[in-house]
Protein backbone atom coordinates (compact mmCIF):
# COMPACT_ATOMS: atom_id res chain seq x y z
CA GLN A 1 3.69 6.91 10.14
CA ASP A 2 2.25 10.47 9.56
CA ILE A 3 0.22 10.98 6.27
CA ALA A 4 2.26 13.39 3.86
CA LEU A 5 -0.80 15.58 3.14
CA TYR A 6 -1.57 19.60 3.61
CA PRO A 7 -4.69 19.16 5.64
CA SER A 8 -6.14 22.60 4.45
CA LEU A 9 -6.00 21.77 0.67
CA SER A 10 -8.60 19.37 -1.03
CA GLY A 11 -7.95 15.75 -2.19
CA VAL A 12 -7.52 16.98 -5.75
CA ASP A 13 -5.55 19.68 -4.65
CA ASN A 14 -2.75 17.89 -2.75
CA LEU A 15 -2.58 15.43 -5.59
CA MET A 16 -2.16 18.32 -7.96
CA TYR A 17 0.74 19.80 -5.72
CA ILE A 18 2.45 16.26 -5.48
CA GLY A 19 2.12 15.50 -9.31
CA ARG A 20 3.47 18.64 -10.20
CA MET A 21 6.65 17.78 -7.85
CA TYR A 22 6.93 14.95 -9.66
CA GLY A 23 6.67 16.59 -13.12
CA VAL A 24 3.81 15.08 -14.34
CA LYS A 25 2.37 17.07 -17.51
CA GLU A 26 -1.03 18.97 -16.39
CA ARG A 27 -3.37 17.34 -18.77
CA GLU A 28 -2.08 13.95 -17.77
CA LEU A 29 -2.11 14.76 -14.21
CA LYS A 30 -5.61 16.13 -14.41
CA GLU A 31 -6.68 12.87 -16.08
CA LYS A 32 -4.98 10.53 -13.62
CA ILE A 33 -6.15 12.27 -10.66
CA ASP A 34 -10.00 12.33 -12.11
CA ALA A 35 -9.47 8.64 -12.87
CA PHE A 36 -7.83 7.69 -9.32
CA LEU A 37 -10.68 9.63 -7.25
CA THR A 38 -13.33 8.21 -9.10
CA PHE A 39 -12.08 4.74 -8.89
CA PHE A 40 -11.46 5.07 -5.03
CA GLY A 41 -14.92 6.77 -4.49
CA PHE A 42 -14.12 10.16 -3.64
CA ASP A 43 -16.87 11.51 -6.23
CA ASP A 44 -18.47 13.36 -3.33
CA ASN A 45 -15.30 14.34 -1.14
CA ARG A 46 -12.52 15.46 -3.98
CA HIS A 47 -13.11 18.84 -3.13
CA LYS A 48 -13.21 18.91 0.24
CA GLN A 49 -10.25 19.81 2.76
CA VAL A 50 -8.38 16.75 3.73
CA LYS A 51 -8.93 17.61 7.10
CA THR A 52 -12.45 16.77 7.04
CA TYR A 53 -11.46 13.10 5.79
CA SER A 54 -11.46 9.96 7.79
CA GLY A 55 -8.19 8.39 8.48
CA GLY A 56 -8.74 5.81 5.85
CA MET A 57 -9.48 8.43 3.09
CA LYS A 58 -6.50 10.17 3.99
CA ARG A 59 -4.50 7.12 3.49
CA LYS A 60 -5.80 6.73 0.26
CA ILE A 61 -4.92 10.14 -0.88
CA ASN A 62 -1.45 9.57 0.36
CA LEU A 63 -1.08 6.41 -1.44
CA LEU A 64 -2.43 8.21 -4.57
CA GLY A 65 0.04 10.73 -4.57
CA GLY A 66 2.51 7.99 -4.66
CA LEU A 67 1.41 6.71 -7.93
CA LEU A 68 0.99 9.89 -9.95
CA HIS A 69 4.25 9.64 -11.57
CA ASP A 70 4.11 5.67 -12.43
CA PRO A 71 7.21 4.93 -10.62
CA LYS A 72 9.00 1.77 -11.55
CA ILE A 73 9.69 0.97 -7.53
CA LEU A 74 6.82 1.60 -5.17
CA LEU A 75 7.42 1.55 -1.36
CA LEU A 76 4.81 0.77 0.84
CA ASP A 77 4.89 0.69 4.64
CA GLU A 78 1.31 -0.75 5.75
CA PRO A 79 -0.55 1.04 3.15
CA THR A 80 -3.89 0.06 4.36
CA VAL A 81 -3.89 0.26 7.93
CA GLY A 82 -7.07 1.61 9.42
CA MET A 83 -9.14 0.75 6.10
CA ASP A 84 -12.37 -1.07 5.82
CA VAL A 85 -12.22 -4.27 4.32
CA GLN A 86 -13.81 -3.30 0.71
CA THR A 87 -11.41 -0.34 0.51
CA ARG A 88 -8.32 -2.68 1.67
CA THR A 89 -9.35 -5.17 -1.01
CA SER A 90 -9.67 -2.71 -4.13
CA ILE A 91 -6.42 -1.14 -2.80
CA MET A 92 -4.84 -4.66 -2.72
CA GLU A 93 -6.24 -5.45 -6.25
CA TYR A 94 -5.40 -2.06 -8.01
CA LEU A 95 -1.57 -2.57 -6.55
CA LYS A 96 -1.45 -6.23 -7.89
CA ASN A 97 -2.62 -5.08 -11.38
CA LEU A 98 -0.12 -2.14 -11.53
CA ASN A 99 2.85 -4.93 -10.62
CA GLU A 100 1.28 -7.28 -13.33
CA GLU A 101 0.39 -4.81 -16.14
CA LYS A 102 2.77 -2.22 -15.82
CA LYS A 103 5.48 -4.08 -13.94
CA MET A 104 6.00 -2.33 -11.27
CA THR A 105 8.46 -3.55 -8.44
CA ILE A 106 6.46 -3.09 -5.16
CA ILE A 107 8.19 -3.49 -1.79
CA TYR A 108 5.36 -3.92 0.79
CA THR A 109 6.37 -3.96 4.36
CA SER A 110 3.33 -5.14 6.75
CA HIS A 111 2.79 -6.70 10.17
CA TYR A 112 -0.35 -8.40 8.51
CA LEU A 113 1.15 -11.14 7.47
CA GLU A 114 -2.21 -12.99 5.79
CA GLN A 115 -2.08 -9.97 3.44
CA ALA A 116 1.56 -10.01 2.59
CA GLU A 117 0.84 -14.02 2.05
CA LEU A 118 -2.19 -13.33 -0.55
CA PHE A 119 -0.24 -10.16 -2.00
CA CYS A 120 3.53 -10.95 -2.28
CA ASP A 121 5.57 -12.85 -4.71
CA ARG A 122 8.37 -13.31 -2.41
CA ILE A 123 8.37 -12.72 1.22
CA ALA A 124 11.44 -11.66 3.67
CA ILE A 125 10.93 -12.28 7.35
CA ILE A 126 13.00 -9.72 9.07
CA ASP A 127 13.68 -9.55 12.75
CA GLU A 128 15.86 -7.28 14.68
CA GLY A 129 17.23 -6.44 11.29
CA GLU A 130 18.41 -9.30 10.18
CA ILE A 131 16.69 -11.45 7.24
CA LEU A 132 15.71 -14.87 8.68
CA ARG A 133 14.30 -16.15 5.32
CA LEU A 134 13.52 -14.92 1.76
CA ASP A 135 11.31 -17.09 -0.35
CA THR A 136 8.03 -17.19 -2.07
CA PRO A 137 5.19 -17.41 0.36
CA LYS A 138 4.41 -21.03 -0.74
CA ALA A 139 7.53 -22.34 -0.59
CA MET A 140 8.34 -20.94 2.96
CA ILE A 141 5.54 -22.26 4.52
CA ALA A 142 6.15 -25.58 3.00
CA HIS A 143 9.68 -25.30 4.06
CA GLU A 144 8.78 -24.56 7.69
CA GLU A 145 6.14 -27.10 7.56
CA LYS A 146 3.65 -24.53 8.95
CA GLY A 147 -0.17 -23.49 7.63
CA ASN A 148 0.77 -19.90 7.37
CA LEU A 149 3.34 -17.12 7.13
CA GLU A 150 2.21 -16.16 10.63
CA GLU A 151 3.16 -19.64 12.35
CA VAL A 152 6.25 -19.25 9.87
CA PHE A 153 7.29 -15.95 11.32
CA LEU A 154 6.68 -17.12 15.07
CA LYS A 155 8.58 -20.02 14.55
CA LEU A 156 11.50 -18.19 12.64
CA THR A 157 11.70 -15.37 15.12
CA GLY A 158 11.05 -17.72 18.22
CA LYS A 159 8.45 -15.27 19.54
CA GLN A 160 6.11 -17.88 20.24
CA ILE A 161 2.65 -16.60 22.43
CA LYS A 162 2.87 -17.59 25.60
CA ASP A 163 -0.06 -18.55 27.77
């Protein structure tokens, strides 16, 4: 649950460090960082220390660090927690484009089932370490005769809300 950044370094310096660890070539790294930071609205904050960033800004930089080396598989654990609606939407659209354009596999874990329903091609409902169902969101909802994934989750796990 922690952010893997150095608080006394700037957003740019953190990303440069991470990119170098992954072996990204210097010129490509600088271009990617510049593009990422511009796209995600860091123009005024790119050289400020990360410790001055909001929680959402830190999460964005952390996510960008994981994208610098163009992984074939990207593992995300609730990457948009604590972000405003506009930021969350832009990140999810960006990730969807990566999946489609670069054929990047994204494994996305979340308790926000509405977001998972919109974002994911396939869903696994997991409870206490056991996969209860694995299917497309649409097929899962239809099979369980529910209106959305949240209702499917509650039905499959037996964890109904008590009055």
